[in-house]
PDB file of all heavy atoms in Angstrom:
ATOM      1  N   SER A   1       0.977  -1.315  18.089  1.00  0.00           N
ATOM      2  CA  SER A   1       1.363  -1.936  16.950  1.00  0.00           C
ATOM      3  C   SER A   1       0.330  -1.700  15.817  1.00  0.00           C
ATOM      4  O   SER A   1      -0.919  -1.941  16.040  1.00  0.00           O
ATOM      5  CB  SER A   1       1.633  -3.430  17.153  1.00  0.00           C
ATOM      6  OG  SER A   1       2.564  -3.527  18.127  1.00  0.00           O
ATOM      7  N   TRP A   2       0.716  -1.183  14.627  1.00  0.00           N
ATOM      8  CA  TRP A   2      -0.243  -0.896  13.567  1.00  0.00           C
ATOM      9  C   TRP A   2      -0.448  -2.009  12.590  1.00  0.00           C
ATOM     10  O   TRP A   2       0.535  -2.709  12.231  1.00  0.00           O
ATOM     11  CB  TRP A   2       0.320   0.315  12.842  1.00  0.00           C
ATOM     12  CG  TRP A   2       0.569   1.476  13.714  1.00  0.00           C
ATOM     13  CD1 TRP A   2       1.746   2.068  14.160  1.00  0.00           C
ATOM     14  CD2 TRP A   2      -0.457   2.290  14.267  1.00  0.00           C
ATOM     15  NE1 TRP A   2       1.451   3.183  15.055  1.00  0.00           N
ATOM     16  CE2 TRP A   2       0.070   3.305  15.070  1.00  0.00           C
ATOM     17  CE3 TRP A   2      -1.810   2.311  14.229  1.00  0.00           C
ATOM     18  CZ2 TRP A   2      -0.584   4.271  15.799  1.00  0.00           C
ATOM     19  CZ3 TRP A   2      -2.566   3.377  14.909  1.00  0.00           C
ATOM     20  CH2 TRP A   2      -1.866   4.301  15.629  1.00  0.00           C
ATOM     21  N   PHE A   3      -1.718  -2.134  12.102  1.00  0.00           N
ATOM     22  CA  PHE A   3      -2.097  -3.141  11.189  1.00  0.00           C
ATOM     23  C   PHE A   3      -2.647  -2.406  10.037  1.00  0.00           C
ATOM     24  O   PHE A   3      -3.736  -1.704  10.080  1.00  0.00           O
ATOM     25  CB  PHE A   3      -3.095  -4.027  11.851  1.00  0.00           C
ATOM     26  CG  PHE A   3      -2.527  -4.926  12.944  1.00  0.00           C
ATOM     27  CD1 PHE A   3      -2.487  -4.439  14.192  1.00  0.00           C
ATOM     28  CD2 PHE A   3      -2.042  -6.164  12.650  1.00  0.00           C
ATOM     29  CE1 PHE A   3      -1.871  -5.177  15.191  1.00  0.00           C
ATOM     30  CE2 PHE A   3      -1.493  -6.973  13.629  1.00  0.00           C
ATOM     31  CZ  PHE A   3      -1.472  -6.526  14.974  1.00  0.00           C
ATOM     32  N   MET A   4      -2.028  -2.547   8.791  1.00  0.00           N
ATOM     33  CA  MET A   4      -2.437  -2.024   7.632  1.00  0.00           C
ATOM     34  C   MET A   4      -3.464  -2.958   6.826  1.00  0.00           C
ATOM     35  O   MET A   4      -3.070  -4.106   6.688  1.00  0.00           O
ATOM     36  CB  MET A   4      -1.289  -1.598   6.736  1.00  0.00           C
ATOM     37  CG  MET A   4      -0.714  -0.287   6.960  1.00  0.00           C
ATOM     38  SD  MET A   4      -1.782   1.023   6.361  1.00  0.00           S
ATOM     39  CE  MET A   4      -1.614   0.780   4.555  1.00  0.00           C
ATOM     40  N   PRO A   5      -4.542  -2.350   6.414  1.00  0.00           N
ATOM     41  CA  PRO A   5      -5.493  -3.215   5.681  1.00  0.00           C
ATOM     42  C   PRO A   5      -5.135  -3.623   4.187  1.00  0.00           C
ATOM     43  O   PRO A   5      -5.556  -4.667   3.628  1.00  0.00           O
ATOM     44  CB  PRO A   5      -6.822  -2.414   5.703  1.00  0.00           C
ATOM     45  CG  PRO A   5      -6.315  -1.025   5.657  1.00  0.00           C
ATOM     46  CD  PRO A   5      -5.165  -1.104   6.595  1.00  0.00           C
ATOM     47  N   TRP A   6      -4.179  -2.935   3.668  1.00  0.00           N
ATOM     48  CA  TRP A   6      -3.757  -3.190   2.240  1.00  0.00           C
ATOM     49  C   TRP A   6      -2.322  -2.620   2.141  1.00  0.00           C
ATOM     50  O   TRP A   6      -1.831  -1.769   2.999  1.00  0.00           O
ATOM     51  CB  TRP A   6      -4.730  -2.519   1.197  1.00  0.00           C
ATOM     52  CG  TRP A   6      -5.210  -1.218   1.512  1.00  0.00           C
ATOM     53  CD1 TRP A   6      -6.322  -0.904   2.064  1.00  0.00           C
ATOM     54  CD2 TRP A   6      -4.507   0.082   1.236  1.00  0.00           C
ATOM     55  NE1 TRP A   6      -6.566   0.502   2.203  1.00  0.00           N
ATOM     56  CE2 TRP A   6      -5.359   1.136   1.717  1.00  0.00           C
ATOM     57  CE3 TRP A   6      -3.337   0.351   0.735  1.00  0.00           C
ATOM     58  CZ2 TRP A   6      -5.068   2.432   1.678  1.00  0.00           C
ATOM     59  CZ3 TRP A   6      -3.012   1.817   0.514  1.00  0.00           C
ATOM     60  CH2 TRP A   6      -3.915   2.754   1.066  1.00  0.00           C
ATOM     61  N   GLY A   7      -1.693  -2.617   0.899  1.00  0.00           N
ATOM     62  CA  GLY A   7      -0.371  -2.166   0.662  1.00  0.00           C
ATOM     63  C   GLY A   7       0.725  -3.201   0.833  1.00  0.00           C
ATOM     64  O   GLY A   7       0.383  -4.418   1.044  1.00  0.00           O
ATOM     65  N   GLU A   8       1.999  -2.754   0.857  1.00  0.00           N
ATOM     66  CA  GLU A   8       3.038  -3.692   0.958  1.00  0.00           C
ATOM     67  C   GLU A   8       3.093  -4.301   2.290  1.00  0.00           C
ATOM     68  O   GLU A   8       3.521  -5.479   2.416  1.00  0.00           O
ATOM     69  CB  GLU A   8       4.414  -2.898   0.703  1.00  0.00           C
ATOM     70  CG  GLU A   8       4.488  -2.279  -0.760  1.00  0.00           C
ATOM     71  CD  GLU A   8       5.751  -1.632  -0.940  1.00  0.00           C
ATOM     72  OE1 GLU A   8       6.549  -1.529  -0.011  1.00  0.00           O
ATOM     73  OE2 GLU A   8       6.093  -1.150  -2.061  1.00  0.00           O
ATOM     74  N   ASN A   9       2.918  -3.610   3.298  1.00  0.00           N
ATOM     75  CA  ASN A   9       2.932  -4.210   4.686  1.00  0.00           C
ATOM     76  C   ASN A   9       1.522  -4.569   5.315  1.00  0.00           C
ATOM     77  O   ASN A   9       1.265  -4.308   6.485  1.00  0.00           O
ATOM     78  CB  ASN A   9       3.599  -3.190   5.592  1.00  0.00           C
ATOM     79  CG  ASN A   9       5.033  -2.831   5.150  1.00  0.00           C
ATOM     80  OD1 ASN A   9       5.755  -3.791   4.774  1.00  0.00           O
ATOM     81  ND2 ASN A   9       5.406  -1.592   5.232  1.00  0.00           N
ATOM     82  N   GLN A  10       0.703  -5.083   4.402  1.00  0.00           N
ATOM     83  CA  GLN A  10      -0.603  -5.278   4.902  1.00  0.00           C
ATOM     84  C   GLN A  10      -0.597  -6.533   5.827  1.00  0.00           C
ATOM     85  O   GLN A  10       0.236  -7.310   5.682  1.00  0.00           O
ATOM     86  CB  GLN A  10      -1.561  -5.559   3.630  1.00  0.00           C
ATOM     87  CG  GLN A  10      -1.183  -6.823   2.910  1.00  0.00           C
ATOM     88  CD  GLN A  10      -2.085  -6.991   1.636  1.00  0.00           C
ATOM     89  OE1 GLN A  10      -3.340  -7.359   1.824  1.00  0.00           O
ATOM     90  NE2 GLN A  10      -1.558  -6.751   0.473  1.00  0.00           N
ATOM     91  N   CYS A  11      -1.660  -6.496   6.741  1.00  0.00           N
ATOM     92  CA  CYS A  11      -1.700  -7.597   7.775  1.00  0.00           C
ATOM     93  C   CYS A  11      -2.380  -8.864   7.194  1.00  0.00           C
ATOM     94  O   CYS A  11      -2.877  -8.901   6.062  1.00  0.00           O
ATOM     95  CB  CYS A  11      -2.603  -6.968   8.860  1.00  0.00           C
ATOM     96  SG  CYS A  11      -4.330  -6.739   8.297  1.00  0.00           S
ATOM     97  N   GLU A  12      -2.158  -9.895   8.035  1.00  0.00           N
ATOM     98  CA  GLU A  12      -2.832 -11.172   7.684  1.00  0.00           C
ATOM     99  C   GLU A  12      -4.304 -11.114   8.091  1.00  0.00           C
ATOM    100  O   GLU A  12      -4.620 -10.587   9.088  1.00  0.00           O
ATOM    101  CB  GLU A  12      -2.206 -12.404   8.412  1.00  0.00           C
ATOM    102  CG  GLU A  12      -2.771 -13.661   8.135  1.00  0.00           C
ATOM    103  CD  GLU A  12      -2.155 -14.717   8.986  1.00  0.00           C
ATOM    104  OE1 GLU A  12      -1.215 -14.509   9.779  1.00  0.00           O
ATOM    105  OE2 GLU A  12      -2.593 -15.900   8.912  1.00  0.00           O
ATOM    106  N   LYS A  13      -5.154 -11.540   7.213  1.00  0.00           N
ATOM    107  CA  LYS A  13      -6.569 -11.207   7.341  1.00  0.00           C
ATOM    108  C   LYS A  13      -7.420 -12.571   7.413  1.00  0.00           C
ATOM    109  O   LYS A  13      -6.869 -13.642   6.975  1.00  0.00           O
ATOM    110  CB  LYS A  13      -7.151 -10.465   6.177  1.00  0.00           C
ATOM    111  CG  LYS A  13      -6.525  -9.103   5.889  1.00  0.00           C
ATOM    112  CD  LYS A  13      -7.147  -8.368   4.830  1.00  0.00           C
ATOM    113  CE  LYS A  13      -6.410  -7.145   4.392  1.00  0.00           C
ATOM    114  NZ  LYS A  13      -5.087  -7.486   3.667  1.00  0.00           N
ATOM    115  N   ILE A  14      -8.590 -12.338   8.009  1.00  0.00           N
ATOM    116  CA  ILE A  14      -9.570 -13.508   7.953  1.00  0.00           C
ATOM    117  C   ILE A  14     -10.877 -12.952   7.180  1.00  0.00           C
ATOM    118  O   ILE A  14     -11.131 -11.756   7.252  1.00  0.00           O
ATOM    119  CB  ILE A  14      -9.919 -14.050   9.314  1.00  0.00           C
ATOM    120  CG1 ILE A  14     -10.343 -12.893  10.246  1.00  0.00           C
ATOM    121  CG2 ILE A  14      -8.688 -14.664  10.041  1.00  0.00           C
ATOM    122  CD1 ILE A  14     -10.927 -13.292  11.643  1.00  0.00           C
ATOM    123  N   ARG A  15     -11.693 -13.903   6.837  1.00  0.00           N
ATOM    124  CA  ARG A  15     -12.918 -13.426   6.013  1.00  0.00           C
ATOM    125  C   ARG A  15     -14.078 -13.033   7.010  1.00  0.00           C
ATOM    126  O   ARG A  15     -14.624 -12.061   6.893  1.00  0.00           O
ATOM    127  CB  ARG A  15     -13.409 -14.440   5.170  1.00  0.00           C
ATOM    128  CG  ARG A  15     -12.370 -14.825   3.877  1.00  0.00           C
ATOM    129  CD  ARG A  15     -12.958 -15.878   3.043  1.00  0.00           C
ATOM    130  NE  ARG A  15     -13.440 -17.052   3.634  1.00  0.00           N
ATOM    131  CZ  ARG A  15     -12.584 -18.101   3.813  1.00  0.00           C
ATOM    132  NH1 ARG A  15     -11.334 -18.051   3.365  1.00  0.00           N
ATOM    133  NH2 ARG A  15     -13.142 -19.204   4.420  1.00  0.00           N
ATOM    134  N   ASP A  16     -14.242 -13.929   7.888  1.00  0.00           N
ATOM    135  CA  ASP A  16     -15.452 -13.813   8.864  1.00  0.00           C
ATOM    136  C   ASP A  16     -15.217 -14.634  10.178  1.00  0.00           C
ATOM    137  O   ASP A  16     -14.177 -15.238  10.347  1.00  0.00           O
ATOM    138  CB  ASP A  16     -16.744 -14.307   8.238  1.00  0.00           C
ATOM    139  CG  ASP A  16     -16.654 -15.571   7.482  1.00  0.00           C
ATOM    140  OD1 ASP A  16     -15.918 -16.436   8.032  1.00  0.00           O
ATOM    141  OD2 ASP A  16     -17.228 -15.716   6.438  1.00  0.00           O
ATOM    142  N   SER A  17     -16.252 -14.672  10.980  1.00  0.00           N
ATOM    143  CA  SER A  17     -16.106 -15.313  12.276  1.00  0.00           C
ATOM    144  C   SER A  17     -15.944 -16.827  12.090  1.00  0.00           C
ATOM    145  O   SER A  17     -15.280 -17.500  12.860  1.00  0.00           O
ATOM    146  CB  SER A  17     -17.301 -15.082  13.155  1.00  0.00           C
ATOM    147  OG  SER A  17     -18.512 -15.412  12.509  1.00  0.00           O
ATOM    148  N   GLU A  18     -16.625 -17.421  11.114  1.00  0.00           N
ATOM    149  CA  GLU A  18     -16.476 -18.833  10.807  1.00  0.00           C
ATOM    150  C   GLU A  18     -15.060 -19.171  10.374  1.00  0.00           C
ATOM    151  O   GLU A  18     -14.494 -20.357  10.890  1.00  0.00           O
ATOM    152  CB  GLU A  18     -17.411 -19.263   9.702  1.00  0.00           C
ATOM    153  CG  GLU A  18     -18.824 -19.336  10.107  1.00  0.00           C
ATOM    154  CD  GLU A  18     -19.517 -17.930  10.155  1.00  0.00           C
ATOM    155  OE1 GLU A  18     -18.878 -17.018   9.711  1.00  0.00           O
ATOM    156  OE2 GLU A  18     -20.630 -17.913  10.726  1.00  0.00           O
ATOM    157  N   ASP A  19     -14.358 -18.311   9.607  1.00  0.00           N
ATOM    158  CA  ASP A  19     -12.911 -18.503   9.281  1.00  0.00           C
ATOM    159  C   ASP A  19     -12.088 -18.484  10.509  1.00  0.00           C
ATOM    160  O   ASP A  19     -11.119 -19.164  10.723  1.00  0.00           O
ATOM    161  CB  ASP A  19     -12.524 -17.412   8.363  1.00  0.00           C
ATOM    162  CG  ASP A  19     -11.185 -17.668   7.693  1.00  0.00           C
ATOM    163  OD1 ASP A  19     -10.709 -18.927   7.956  1.00  0.00           O
ATOM    164  OD2 ASP A  19     -10.503 -16.797   7.144  1.00  0.00           O
ATOM    165  N   ALA A  20     -12.453 -17.417  11.484  1.00  0.00           N
ATOM    166  CA  ALA A  20     -11.656 -17.417  12.746  1.00  0.00           C
ATOM    167  C   ALA A  20     -11.790 -18.662  13.635  1.00  0.00           C
ATOM    168  O   ALA A  20     -10.822 -19.161  14.141  1.00  0.00           O
ATOM    169  CB  ALA A  20     -12.074 -16.127  13.485  1.00  0.00           C
ATOM    170  N   ILE A  21     -13.057 -19.175  13.677  1.00  0.00           N
ATOM    171  CA  ILE A  21     -13.267 -20.412  14.485  1.00  0.00           C
ATOM    172  C   ILE A  21     -12.505 -21.624  13.920  1.00  0.00           C
ATOM    173  O   ILE A  21     -11.902 -22.370  14.581  1.00  0.00           O
ATOM    174  CB  ILE A  21     -14.765 -20.632  14.586  1.00  0.00           C
ATOM    175  CG1 ILE A  21     -15.467 -19.564  15.442  1.00  0.00           C
ATOM    176  CG2 ILE A  21     -15.048 -22.015  15.230  1.00  0.00           C
ATOM    177  CD1 ILE A  21     -16.985 -19.699  15.367  1.00  0.00           C
ATOM    178  N   SER A  22     -12.525 -21.669  12.579  1.00  0.00           N
ATOM    179  CA  SER A  22     -11.865 -22.875  11.905  1.00  0.00           C
ATOM    180  C   SER A  22     -10.303 -22.756  12.153  1.00  0.00           C
ATOM    181  O   SER A  22      -9.664 -23.795  12.206  1.00  0.00           O
ATOM    182  CB  SER A  22     -12.193 -22.942  10.412  1.00  0.00           C
ATOM    183  OG  SER A  22     -11.748 -21.739   9.697  1.00  0.00           O
ATOM    184  N   ARG A  23      -9.792 -21.610  12.307  1.00  0.00           N
ATOM    185  CA  ARG A  23      -8.365 -21.414  12.409  1.00  0.00           C
ATOM    186  C   ARG A  23      -7.982 -21.167  13.864  1.00  0.00           C
ATOM    187  O   ARG A  23      -6.882 -20.829  14.212  1.00  0.00           O
ATOM    188  CB  ARG A  23      -7.924 -20.171  11.595  1.00  0.00           C
ATOM    189  CG  ARG A  23      -8.041 -20.364  10.007  1.00  0.00           C
ATOM    190  CD  ARG A  23      -7.834 -19.105   9.283  1.00  0.00           C
ATOM    191  NE  ARG A  23      -6.469 -18.584   9.529  1.00  0.00           N
ATOM    192  CZ  ARG A  23      -5.983 -17.482   9.015  1.00  0.00           C
ATOM    193  NH1 ARG A  23      -6.700 -16.779   8.065  1.00  0.00           N
ATOM    194  NH2 ARG A  23      -4.749 -17.134   9.217  1.00  0.00           N
ATOM    195  N   LEU A  24      -8.930 -21.410  14.811  1.00  0.00           N
ATOM    196  CA  LEU A  24      -8.707 -21.234  16.216  1.00  0.00           C
ATOM    197  C   LEU A  24      -8.145 -19.890  16.554  1.00  0.00           C
ATOM    198  O   LEU A  24      -7.340 -19.705  17.424  1.00  0.00           O
ATOM    199  CB  LEU A  24      -7.795 -22.397  16.686  1.00  0.00           C
ATOM    200  CG  LEU A  24      -8.209 -23.770  16.398  1.00  0.00           C
ATOM    201  CD1 LEU A  24      -7.185 -24.766  16.861  1.00  0.00           C
ATOM    202  CD2 LEU A  24      -9.536 -24.054  17.037  1.00  0.00           C
ATOM    203  N   ILE A  25      -8.731 -18.922  16.008  1.00  0.00           N
ATOM    204  CA  ILE A  25      -8.275 -17.522  16.300  1.00  0.00           C
ATOM    205  C   ILE A  25      -9.431 -16.817  17.199  1.00  0.00           C
ATOM    206  O   ILE A  25     -10.561 -16.834  16.903  1.00  0.00           O
ATOM    207  CB  ILE A  25      -8.298 -16.680  14.998  1.00  0.00           C
ATOM    208  CG1 ILE A  25      -7.168 -17.233  14.123  1.00  0.00           C
ATOM    209  CG2 ILE A  25      -8.041 -15.150  15.301  1.00  0.00           C
ATOM    210  CD1 ILE A  25      -7.160 -16.464  12.761  1.00  0.00           C
ATOM    211  N   GLU A  26      -8.970 -16.423  18.330  1.00  0.00           N
ATOM    212  CA  GLU A  26      -9.887 -15.779  19.284  1.00  0.00           C
ATOM    213  C   GLU A  26     -10.221 -14.390  19.060  1.00  0.00           C
ATOM    214  O   GLU A  26      -9.544 -13.653  18.108  1.00  0.00           O
ATOM    215  CB  GLU A  26      -9.179 -15.820  20.679  1.00  0.00           C
ATOM    216  CG  GLU A  26      -8.861 -17.270  21.143  1.00  0.00           C
ATOM    217  CD  GLU A  26      -8.252 -17.292  22.586  1.00  0.00           C
ATOM    218  OE1 GLU A  26      -7.924 -16.114  23.125  1.00  0.00           O
ATOM    219  OE2 GLU A  26      -8.019 -18.388  23.098  1.00  0.00           O
ATOM    220  N   ALA A  27     -11.213 -13.816  19.669  1.00  0.00           N
ATOM    221  CA  ALA A  27     -11.736 -12.471  19.379  1.00  0.00           C
ATOM    222  C   ALA A  27     -10.617 -11.448  19.856  1.00  0.00           C
ATOM    223  O   ALA A  27     -10.514 -10.392  19.238  1.00  0.00           O
ATOM    224  CB  ALA A  27     -12.862 -12.212  20.164  1.00  0.00           C
ATOM    225  N   ASN A  28      -9.723 -11.806  20.866  1.00  0.00           N
ATOM    226  CA  ASN A  28      -8.855 -10.886  21.286  1.00  0.00           C
ATOM    227  C   ASN A  28      -7.633 -10.817  20.374  1.00  0.00           C
ATOM    228  O   ASN A  28      -6.777  -9.848  20.440  1.00  0.00           O
ATOM    229  CB  ASN A  28      -8.255 -11.370  22.675  1.00  0.00           C
ATOM    230  CG  ASN A  28      -9.274 -11.261  23.750  1.00  0.00           C
ATOM    231  OD1 ASN A  28     -10.193 -10.373  23.673  1.00  0.00           O
ATOM    232  ND2 ASN A  28      -9.136 -12.043  24.726  1.00  0.00           N
ATOM    233  N   ASP A  29      -7.514 -11.660  19.300  1.00  0.00           N
ATOM    234  CA  ASP A  29      -6.443 -11.622  18.355  1.00  0.00           C
ATOM    235  C   ASP A  29      -6.855 -10.940  17.081  1.00  0.00           C
ATOM    236  O   ASP A  29      -6.076 -10.883  16.047  1.00  0.00           O
ATOM    237  CB  ASP A  29      -6.105 -13.053  17.992  1.00  0.00           C
ATOM    238  CG  ASP A  29      -5.560 -13.869  19.218  1.00  0.00           C
ATOM    239  OD1 ASP A  29      -4.996 -13.165  20.071  1.00  0.00           O
ATOM    240  OD2 ASP A  29      -5.719 -15.018  19.277  1.00  0.00           O
ATOM    241  N   ILE A  30      -8.133 -10.343  17.101  1.00  0.00           N
ATOM    242  CA  ILE A  30      -8.577  -9.771  15.777  1.00  0.00           C
ATOM    243  C   ILE A  30      -8.579  -8.160  15.932  1.00  0.00           C
ATOM    244  O   ILE A  30      -8.922  -7.611  16.979  1.00  0.00           O
ATOM    245  CB  ILE A  30     -10.092 -10.158  15.613  1.00  0.00           C
ATOM    246  CG1 ILE A  30     -10.104 -11.678  15.272  1.00  0.00           C
ATOM    247  CG2 ILE A  30     -10.652  -9.389  14.314  1.00  0.00           C
ATOM    248  CD1 ILE A  30     -11.501 -12.197  15.151  1.00  0.00           C
ATOM    249  N   VAL A  31      -8.019  -7.570  14.967  1.00  0.00           N
ATOM    250  CA  VAL A  31      -7.943  -6.145  14.924  1.00  0.00           C
ATOM    251  C   VAL A  31      -8.619  -5.625  13.775  1.00  0.00           C
ATOM    252  O   VAL A  31      -8.269  -6.052  12.519  1.00  0.00           O
ATOM    253  CB  VAL A  31      -6.490  -5.608  14.908  1.00  0.00           C
ATOM    254  CG1 VAL A  31      -6.435  -4.071  14.786  1.00  0.00           C
ATOM    255  CG2 VAL A  31      -5.718  -6.056  16.136  1.00  0.00           C
ATOM    256  N   PHE A  32      -9.624  -4.870  13.851  1.00  0.00           N
ATOM    257  CA  PHE A  32     -10.307  -4.218  12.776  1.00  0.00           C
ATOM    258  C   PHE A  32      -9.650  -2.895  12.286  1.00  0.00           C
ATOM    259  O   PHE A  32      -9.487  -1.942  13.025  1.00  0.00           O
ATOM    260  CB  PHE A  32     -11.776  -3.814  13.130  1.00  0.00           C
ATOM    261  CG  PHE A  32     -12.609  -4.949  13.583  1.00  0.00           C
ATOM    262  CD1 PHE A  32     -12.600  -5.349  14.964  1.00  0.00           C
ATOM    263  CD2 PHE A  32     -13.292  -5.726  12.622  1.00  0.00           C
ATOM    264  CE1 PHE A  32     -13.364  -6.457  15.311  1.00  0.00           C
ATOM    265  CE2 PHE A  32     -14.041  -6.832  13.126  1.00  0.00           C
ATOM    266  CZ  PHE A  32     -14.070  -7.222  14.450  1.00  0.00           C
ATOM    267  N   ALA A  33      -9.093  -2.940  11.038  1.00  0.00           N
ATOM    268  CA  ALA A  33      -8.190  -1.932  10.487  1.00  0.00           C
ATOM    269  C   ALA A  33      -8.853  -1.233   9.410  1.00  0.00           C
ATOM    270  O   ALA A  33      -9.454  -1.840   8.452  1.00  0.00           O
ATOM    271  CB  ALA A  33      -6.927  -2.515  10.034  1.00  0.00           C
ATOM    272  N   MET A  34      -8.779   0.067   9.396  1.00  0.00           N
ATOM    273  CA  MET A  34      -9.382   1.057   8.276  1.00  0.00           C
ATOM    274  C   MET A  34      -8.410   2.135   8.079  1.00  0.00           C
ATOM    275  O   MET A  34      -7.922   2.808   8.874  1.00  0.00           O
ATOM    276  CB  MET A  34     -10.717   1.599   8.774  1.00  0.00           C
ATOM    277  CG  MET A  34     -11.880   0.651   8.850  1.00  0.00           C
ATOM    278  SD  MET A  34     -12.986   0.887  10.117  1.00  0.00           S
ATOM    279  CE  MET A  34     -12.140   0.305  11.542  1.00  0.00           C
ATOM    280  N   HIS A  35      -8.095   2.259   6.773  1.00  0.00           N
ATOM    281  CA  HIS A  35      -7.181   3.346   6.257  1.00  0.00           C
ATOM    282  C   HIS A  35      -8.088   4.394   5.534  1.00  0.00           C
ATOM    283  O   HIS A  35      -8.923   4.183   4.807  1.00  0.00           O
ATOM    284  CB  HIS A  35      -6.294   2.794   5.274  1.00  0.00           C
ATOM    285  CG  HIS A  35      -5.230   3.732   4.806  1.00  0.00           C
ATOM    286  ND1 HIS A  35      -5.473   4.735   3.768  1.00  0.00           N
ATOM    287  CD2 HIS A  35      -3.888   3.942   5.103  1.00  0.00           C
ATOM    288  CE1 HIS A  35      -4.415   5.473   3.635  1.00  0.00           C
ATOM    289  NE2 HIS A  35      -3.404   5.030   4.344  1.00  0.00           N
ATOM    290  N   ILE A  36      -7.813   5.669   6.061  1.00  0.00           N
ATOM    291  CA  ILE A  36      -8.573   6.838   5.565  1.00  0.00           C
ATOM    292  C   ILE A  36      -7.595   7.751   4.884  1.00  0.00           C
ATOM    293  O   ILE A  36      -6.624   8.177   5.467  1.00  0.00           O
ATOM    294  CB  ILE A  36      -9.302   7.597   6.730  1.00  0.00           C
ATOM    295  CG1 ILE A  36     -10.190   6.571   7.458  1.00  0.00           C
ATOM    296  CG2 ILE A  36     -10.152   8.829   6.132  1.00  0.00           C
ATOM    297  CD1 ILE A  36     -10.803   7.151   8.690  1.00  0.00           C
ATOM    298  N   PRO A  37      -7.790   8.080   3.576  1.00  0.00           N
ATOM    299  CA  PRO A  37      -8.847   7.778   2.681  1.00  0.00           C
ATOM    300  C   PRO A  37      -8.691   6.400   2.005  1.00  0.00           C
ATOM    301  O   PRO A  37      -7.803   5.662   2.397  1.00  0.00           O
ATOM    302  CB  PRO A  37      -9.014   8.863   1.738  1.00  0.00           C
ATOM    303  CG  PRO A  37      -7.504   9.337   1.558  1.00  0.00           C
ATOM    304  CD  PRO A  37      -6.831   9.065   2.955  1.00  0.00           C
ATOM    305  N   HIS A  38      -9.377   6.111   0.946  1.00  0.00           N
ATOM    306  CA  HIS A  38      -9.291   4.947   0.141  1.00  0.00           C
ATOM    307  C   HIS A  38      -7.960   4.957  -0.577  1.00  0.00           C
ATOM    308  O   HIS A  38      -7.353   6.133  -0.702  1.00  0.00           O
ATOM    309  CB  HIS A  38     -10.417   4.731  -0.865  1.00  0.00           C
ATOM    310  CG  HIS A  38     -11.744   4.490  -0.228  1.00  0.00           C
ATOM    311  ND1 HIS A  38     -11.878   3.266   0.534  1.00  0.00           N
ATOM    312  CD2 HIS A  38     -12.914   5.042  -0.172  1.00  0.00           C
ATOM    313  CE1 HIS A  38     -13.031   3.284   0.986  1.00  0.00           C
ATOM    314  NE2 HIS A  38     -13.752   4.268   0.644  1.00  0.00           N
ATOM    315  N   PRO A  39      -7.398   3.851  -1.099  1.00  0.00           N
ATOM    316  CA  PRO A  39      -6.175   3.908  -1.768  1.00  0.00           C
ATOM    317  C   PRO A  39      -6.145   4.832  -3.111  1.00  0.00           C
ATOM    318  O   PRO A  39      -7.153   4.920  -3.744  1.00  0.00           O
ATOM    319  CB  PRO A  39      -6.024   2.337  -2.355  1.00  0.00           C
ATOM    320  CG  PRO A  39      -6.737   1.621  -1.378  1.00  0.00           C
ATOM    321  CD  PRO A  39      -8.045   2.500  -0.982  1.00  0.00           C
ATOM    322  N   GLY A  40      -5.005   5.558  -3.195  1.00  0.00           N
ATOM    323  CA  GLY A  40      -4.899   6.480  -4.307  1.00  0.00           C
ATOM    324  C   GLY A  40      -5.337   7.872  -4.055  1.00  0.00           C
ATOM    325  O   GLY A  40      -5.171   8.810  -4.873  1.00  0.00           O
ATOM    326  N   ASN A  41      -5.884   8.088  -2.802  1.00  0.00           N
ATOM    327  CA  ASN A  41      -6.412   9.460  -2.461  1.00  0.00           C
ATOM    328  C   ASN A  41      -5.609   9.955  -1.205  1.00  0.00           C
ATOM    329  O   ASN A  41      -4.922   9.245  -0.480  1.00  0.00           O
ATOM    330  CB  ASN A  41      -7.923   9.367  -2.179  1.00  0.00           C
ATOM    331  CG  ASN A  41      -8.765   8.981  -3.322  1.00  0.00           C
ATOM    332  OD1 ASN A  41      -8.598   9.472  -4.383  1.00  0.00           O
ATOM    333  ND2 ASN A  41      -9.712   8.108  -3.095  1.00  0.00           N
TER     334      ASN A  41
END
């Protein structure tokens, strides 16, 4: 399942680990997403 960092179908994001703890989000629920290249290229 693909997670887009930006665009129309961008994923729901968190800021940092403190944000994940406050929202009770586990490490297994986090996906680090990167789009290559940057937008517009």
